[in-house]
Amino acid sequence: MIDKQASIRFELRQHAFFAGIDDDGLDDLIAISQIKIFKGRQAICRQGEDAENMYVVLSGRIKICTTSQGGKETVLAFMGPGEVLGEIAVLDGGLRTASAITIEESRVLVIGRTGFISYLETHPKVALNIIGVLCGRLRKTDEFVEEMTTLQAGPRLARALLRLAEQYGKPQPEGGILVDIKLSQANLGAHAGLMRENVNRQLKVWEDDGLLGGSGGLITLFRVDALEEIADQSA
């Protein structure tokens, strides 16, 4: 039990929400939480629902997405271990602004709204941490909206790949950076605001040019410098 508690504390400290929180503070959070496992392609929460819980990702991969009235999906972000989702609606008591769907089997810490609001009252440092993280996310959302409205397909896809490489990139001994998250071209397109066919066409061009390569659903970036130049191109 002690080992399990220590393991969860370690996992919580991987997220900026809980940076600098001592063991007692983390144990208070664990006491009002429970661990749940979601299968691949399972909804953790859906856009428009009431918010009863927030979630800390302990393992797995999850996409955060919205769906328009016409059924078009936009992937706002991909999340992995050490990240928190569902906190906005939990904090303001409103409806879910987006859906969270697992890409693969994922293990999460589920924290109820009532308990978490009470927790923040006695642990103000966590509240300050959250404010900082949410401000950073708002800035990224502004950048994302600007990309969707001003950039052509190539720069948008290049920026999406570079963001994923920054978040999930693993340098390879033989060269290149592996983007260590399996994504369908449809999901990658939804993240860049592009149709799957456009993603397929552009990836093929870049693969032929030696900028990247794909295998087993994973992408390796071989020419990050070239992709950065493409990403910097204006509309």
Protein backbone atom coordinates (compact mmCIF):
# COMPACT_ATOMS: atom_id res chain seq x y z
CA MET A 1 0.00 0.00 0.00
CA ILE A 2 2.84 2.37 0.85
CA ASP A 3 4.58 1.57 -2.46
CA LYS A 4 1.36 2.18 -4.38
CA GLN A 5 0.79 5.50 -2.61
CA ALA A 6 4.36 6.59 -3.34
CA SER A 7 3.97 5.58 -6.99
CA ILE A 8 0.83 7.69 -7.40
CA ARG A 9 2.54 10.64 -5.69
CA PHE A 10 5.39 10.38 -8.19
CA GLU A 11 2.94 10.29 -11.11
CA LEU A 12 1.05 13.31 -9.80
CA ARG A 13 4.25 15.33 -9.51
CA GLN A 14 4.81 14.92 -13.26
CA HIS A 15 2.08 17.52 -13.86
CA ALA A 16 2.46 21.25 -13.27
CA PHE A 17 -0.84 21.31 -11.33
CA PHE A 18 0.83 19.49 -8.45
CA ALA A 19 4.43 20.71 -8.70
CA GLY A 20 5.89 21.63 -5.32
CA ILE A 21 3.12 19.94 -3.32
CA ASP A 22 4.39 17.94 -0.33
CA ASP A 23 3.51 14.30 0.42
CA ASP A 24 0.71 15.21 2.82
CA GLY A 25 -0.90 17.46 0.23
CA LEU A 26 -0.74 14.76 -2.43
CA ASP A 27 -2.06 12.14 0.00
CA ASP A 28 -5.05 14.39 0.71
CA LEU A 29 -5.75 14.44 -3.04
CA ILE A 30 -5.33 10.68 -3.43
CA ALA A 31 -7.80 10.16 -0.57
CA ILE A 32 -10.59 11.81 -2.57
CA SER A 33 -9.69 10.04 -5.83
CA GLN A 34 -9.97 6.64 -7.46
CA ILE A 35 -8.09 4.92 -10.27
CA LYS A 36 -10.03 3.82 -13.34
CA ILE A 37 -8.93 2.06 -16.52
CA PHE A 38 -10.50 2.96 -19.87
CA LYS A 39 -10.19 0.76 -22.96
CA GLY A 40 -8.94 2.11 -26.28
CA ARG A 41 -11.37 4.37 -28.18
CA GLN A 42 -13.53 4.78 -25.08
CA ALA A 43 -15.04 8.12 -24.06
CA ILE A 44 -13.85 9.40 -20.69
CA CYS A 45 -16.18 12.40 -20.94
CA ARG A 46 -18.17 14.02 -23.73
CA GLN A 47 -18.70 17.56 -24.94
CA GLY A 48 -21.87 19.12 -23.49
CA GLU A 49 -22.14 16.80 -20.48
CA ASP A 50 -22.35 17.92 -16.85
CA ALA A 51 -18.94 17.84 -15.20
CA GLU A 52 -18.70 15.56 -12.19
CA ASN A 53 -15.01 14.66 -12.35
CA MET A 54 -11.60 15.74 -13.55
CA TYR A 55 -8.91 13.28 -14.54
CA VAL A 56 -5.14 12.88 -14.17
CA VAL A 57 -3.64 10.65 -16.86
CA LEU A 58 -1.35 8.04 -15.32
CA SER A 59 -0.73 6.00 -18.47
CA GLY A 60 -2.04 5.80 -22.03
CA ARG A 61 -2.89 8.35 -24.72
CA ILE A 62 -6.06 10.46 -25.02
CA LYS A 63 -7.34 12.93 -27.62
CA ILE A 64 -9.26 16.05 -26.65
CA CYS A 65 -11.73 16.95 -29.40
CA THR A 66 -14.82 18.94 -30.27
CA THR A 67 -17.55 18.07 -32.76
CA SER A 68 -19.47 20.68 -34.72
CA GLN A 69 -23.20 20.49 -35.34
CA GLY A 70 -22.35 19.23 -38.81
CA GLY A 71 -20.33 16.37 -37.33
CA LYS A 72 -16.83 17.69 -38.10
CA GLU A 73 -14.29 16.71 -35.47
CA THR A 74 -11.44 19.00 -34.41
CA VAL A 75 -8.68 17.52 -32.25
CA LEU A 76 -7.52 20.25 -29.89
CA ALA A 77 -4.77 18.28 -28.16
CA PHE A 78 -3.34 14.88 -27.36
CA MET A 79 -2.62 14.02 -23.75
CA GLY A 80 -0.46 11.45 -22.04
CA PRO A 81 0.90 10.53 -18.60
CA GLY A 82 1.16 13.41 -16.15
CA GLU A 83 -1.52 15.55 -17.81
CA VAL A 84 -4.89 16.67 -16.46
CA LEU A 85 -8.15 16.90 -18.39
CA GLY A 86 -11.70 17.96 -17.62
CA GLU A 87 -10.65 20.65 -15.16
CA ILE A 88 -12.38 23.64 -16.80
CA ALA A 89 -15.95 22.44 -16.35
CA VAL A 90 -15.12 21.10 -12.89
CA LEU A 91 -13.81 24.49 -11.82
CA ASP A 92 -16.60 26.66 -13.23
CA GLY A 93 -19.48 24.21 -12.89
CA GLY A 94 -20.42 24.51 -16.57
CA LEU A 95 -20.83 21.87 -19.26
CA ARG A 96 -17.93 20.02 -20.85
CA THR A 97 -16.31 22.14 -23.56
CA ALA A 98 -14.76 19.11 -25.30
CA SER A 99 -14.74 15.32 -25.36
CA ALA A 100 -11.88 13.13 -24.14
CA ILE A 101 -11.50 9.86 -26.07
CA THR A 102 -8.78 7.29 -25.41
CA ILE A 103 -6.47 6.39 -28.27
CA GLU A 104 -5.24 3.34 -26.39
CA GLU A 105 -5.97 1.73 -23.04
CA SER A 106 -5.47 4.42 -20.43
CA ARG A 107 -5.23 4.50 -16.65
CA VAL A 108 -6.45 7.68 -14.98
CA LEU A 109 -6.97 9.10 -11.51
CA VAL A 110 -10.59 10.26 -11.21
CA ILE A 111 -11.19 13.25 -8.89
CA GLY A 112 -14.74 14.29 -8.02
CA ARG A 113 -15.76 17.95 -8.35
CA THR A 114 -17.07 18.46 -4.81
CA GLY A 115 -13.99 16.96 -3.21
CA PHE A 116 -11.61 18.86 -5.46
CA ILE A 117 -13.21 22.26 -4.81
CA SER A 118 -12.87 21.61 -1.06
CA TYR A 119 -9.28 20.47 -1.63
CA LEU A 120 -8.38 23.75 -3.35
CA GLU A 121 -9.67 25.73 -0.38
CA THR A 122 -7.10 24.08 1.85
CA HIS A 123 -4.30 23.81 -0.75
CA PRO A 124 -4.08 27.25 -2.41
CA LYS A 125 -0.72 26.49 -4.07
CA VAL A 126 -2.50 23.99 -6.33
CA ALA A 127 -4.99 26.70 -7.30
CA LEU A 128 -2.11 29.02 -8.26
CA ASN A 129 -0.47 26.24 -10.26
CA ILE A 130 -3.73 25.65 -12.13
CA ILE A 131 -4.05 29.33 -13.02
CA GLY A 132 -0.58 29.28 -14.55
CA VAL A 133 -1.28 26.13 -16.59
CA LEU A 134 -4.65 27.39 -17.85
CA CYS A 135 -3.11 30.68 -18.96
CA GLY A 136 -0.52 28.74 -20.96
CA ARG A 137 -3.24 26.63 -22.58
CA LEU A 138 -5.21 29.75 -23.50
CA ARG A 139 -2.16 31.17 -25.28
CA LYS A 140 -1.76 27.90 -27.22
CA THR A 141 -5.45 27.93 -28.14
CA ASP A 142 -5.06 31.45 -29.55
CA GLU A 143 -2.13 30.25 -31.66
CA PHE A 144 -4.13 27.21 -32.81
CA VAL A 145 -7.08 29.37 -33.92
CA GLU A 146 -4.73 31.68 -35.81
CA GLU A 147 -3.18 28.72 -37.63
CA MET A 148 -6.58 27.37 -38.64
CA THR A 149 -7.65 30.68 -40.14
CA THR A 150 -4.47 32.03 -41.75
CA LEU A 151 -2.18 29.16 -42.80
CA GLN A 152 -2.19 26.88 -45.84
CA ALA A 153 -2.28 23.09 -45.48
CA GLY A 154 1.50 22.50 -45.51
CA PRO A 155 2.45 24.91 -42.72
CA ARG A 156 -0.51 23.76 -40.60
CA LEU A 157 0.48 20.11 -40.87
CA ALA A 158 4.15 20.93 -40.25
CA ARG A 159 3.27 22.85 -37.10
CA ALA A 160 1.07 19.99 -35.88
CA LEU A 161 3.91 17.49 -36.36
CA LEU A 162 6.42 19.77 -34.62
CA ARG A 163 4.07 20.21 -31.65
CA LEU A 164 3.70 16.46 -31.35
CA ALA A 165 7.47 16.00 -31.64
CA GLU A 166 8.00 18.51 -28.84
CA GLN A 167 5.53 16.65 -26.64
CA TYR A 168 6.26 13.02 -27.57
CA GLY A 169 9.53 13.14 -29.51
CA LYS A 170 12.27 10.58 -28.89
CA PRO A 171 15.66 11.04 -30.62
CA GLN A 172 16.67 7.88 -32.47
CA PRO A 173 20.20 6.42 -32.49
CA GLU A 174 20.15 6.19 -36.28
CA GLY A 175 18.97 9.79 -36.58
CA GLY A 176 15.65 11.55 -36.58
CA ILE A 177 12.99 12.15 -33.94
CA LEU A 178 10.31 9.52 -33.40
CA VAL A 179 6.88 10.95 -32.57
CA ASP A 180 5.96 8.30 -30.02
CA ILE A 181 2.19 8.36 -30.33
CA LYS A 182 0.20 6.24 -32.78
CA LEU A 183 -2.20 8.43 -34.74
CA SER A 184 -4.42 7.68 -37.70
CA GLN A 185 -4.19 10.16 -40.56
CA ALA A 186 -7.78 11.12 -39.72
CA ASN A 187 -6.78 12.08 -36.16
CA LEU A 188 -3.70 13.92 -37.37
CA GLY A 189 -5.83 15.77 -39.90
CA ALA A 190 -8.42 16.67 -37.28
CA HIS A 191 -5.60 18.14 -35.18
CA ALA A 192 -4.29 20.22 -38.09
CA GLY A 193 -7.73 21.14 -39.45
CA LEU A 194 -7.24 19.09 -42.63
CA MET A 195 -9.02 16.26 -44.42
CA ARG A 196 -7.41 12.83 -44.18
CA GLU A 197 -6.81 12.82 -47.95
CA ASN A 198 -4.83 16.06 -47.70
CA VAL A 199 -2.75 14.68 -44.85
CA ASN A 200 -2.02 11.50 -46.80
CA ARG A 201 -0.95 13.47 -49.87
CA GLN A 202 1.31 15.86 -47.96
CA LEU A 203 2.95 13.13 -45.87
CA LYS A 204 3.72 11.20 -49.06
CA VAL A 205 5.41 14.24 -50.59
CA TRP A 206 7.50 14.84 -47.48
CA GLU A 207 8.40 11.17 -47.24
CA ASP A 208 9.58 11.16 -50.86
CA ASP A 209 11.66 14.28 -50.07
CA GLY A 210 13.26 12.59 -47.06
CA LEU A 211 11.74 14.91 -44.46
CA LEU A 212 10.01 12.13 -42.54
CA GLY A 213 9.10 8.47 -42.59
CA GLY A 214 6.28 6.32 -41.28
CA SER A 215 6.07 2.78 -39.95
CA GLY A 216 3.55 0.94 -37.80
CA GLY A 217 1.40 4.02 -37.31
CA LEU A 218 4.34 6.07 -36.02
CA ILE A 219 6.08 8.99 -37.74
CA THR A 220 9.79 9.82 -37.55
CA LEU A 221 10.95 13.32 -38.46
CA PHE A 222 14.30 13.26 -40.27
CA ARG A 223 14.52 16.93 -41.31
CA VAL A 224 13.17 19.02 -38.46
CA ASP A 225 14.91 22.07 -39.88
CA ALA A 226 13.04 21.75 -43.18
CA LEU A 227 9.72 21.26 -41.41
CA GLU A 228 10.41 24.35 -39.29
CA GLU A 229 10.97 26.37 -42.47
CA ILE A 230 7.67 25.12 -43.87
CA ALA A 231 5.89 25.85 -40.59
CA ASP A 232 7.14 29.44 -40.68
CA GLN A 233 5.63 30.13 -44.09
CA SER A 234 2.83 32.68 -43.92
CA ALA A 235 -0.49 32.44 -45.71
